[in-house]
């Protein structure tokens, strides 16, 4: 999680669990915890994981 200059909303950054996959996700939340923005970057280069 990272506090953004000029914004009261913290951001969280995520990446795909597949080491060779370039996909990243950025989530911005308001002070009360509500999601205000979700940004995906890239495309998965692998099949979805098998459900167990």
Protein backbone atom coordinates (compact mmCIF):
# COMPACT_ATOMS: atom_id res chain seq x y z
CA UNK A 1 0.00 0.00 0.00
CA UNK A 2 1.23 3.47 -0.83
CA UNK A 3 0.03 6.95 0.10
CA UNK A 4 -0.29 9.15 -3.00
CA UNK A 5 0.85 12.79 -3.00
CA UNK A 6 -2.07 15.19 -3.32
CA UNK A 7 -4.62 12.46 -2.57
CA UNK A 8 -6.23 11.24 0.63
CA UNK A 9 -6.77 7.83 -0.98
CA UNK A 10 -4.18 5.06 -0.43
CA UNK A 11 -3.31 2.73 -3.34
CA UNK A 12 -2.57 -0.97 -3.28
CA UNK A 13 -0.57 -2.72 -5.99
CA UNK A 14 -0.87 -6.38 -7.02
CA UNK A 15 0.71 -8.62 -9.64
CA UNK A 16 -0.25 -11.99 -11.08
CA UNK A 17 1.06 -14.98 -9.12
CA UNK A 18 2.49 -16.55 -12.29
CA UNK A 19 6.16 -15.40 -12.32
CA UNK A 20 6.27 -14.98 -16.12
CA UNK A 21 3.00 -13.02 -16.36
CA UNK A 22 3.20 -9.21 -16.77
CA UNK A 23 -0.30 -8.38 -15.44
CA UNK A 24 -0.56 -5.82 -12.63
CA UNK A 25 -3.53 -4.35 -10.77
CA UNK A 26 -3.78 -1.03 -8.93
CA UNK A 27 -6.61 -0.41 -6.42
CA UNK A 28 -7.37 3.01 -4.95
CA UNK A 29 -9.59 3.27 -1.87
CA UNK A 30 -11.27 6.13 -0.08
CA UNK A 31 -10.53 6.88 3.57
CA UNK A 32 -13.53 4.78 4.67
CA UNK A 33 -12.25 1.75 2.73
CA UNK A 34 -14.54 1.92 -0.30
CA UNK A 35 -12.90 1.06 -3.64
CA UNK A 36 -12.80 4.19 -5.81
CA UNK A 37 -10.77 2.91 -8.77
CA UNK A 38 -9.35 -0.38 -10.12
CA UNK A 39 -6.84 -0.33 -13.00
CA UNK A 40 -5.54 -3.46 -14.76
CA UNK A 41 -2.41 -3.30 -16.91
CA UNK A 42 -1.30 -6.02 -19.34
CA UNK A 43 -2.72 -9.35 -20.48
CA UNK A 44 -2.28 -12.77 -18.91
CA UNK A 45 0.04 -14.98 -20.99
CA UNK A 46 -1.09 -18.27 -19.42
CA UNK A 47 -4.20 -20.37 -18.84
CA UNK A 48 -6.32 -19.64 -15.74
CA UNK A 49 -5.36 -21.75 -12.70
CA UNK A 50 -7.22 -25.02 -12.16
CA UNK A 51 -9.96 -24.87 -9.51
CA UNK A 52 -9.48 -27.39 -6.72
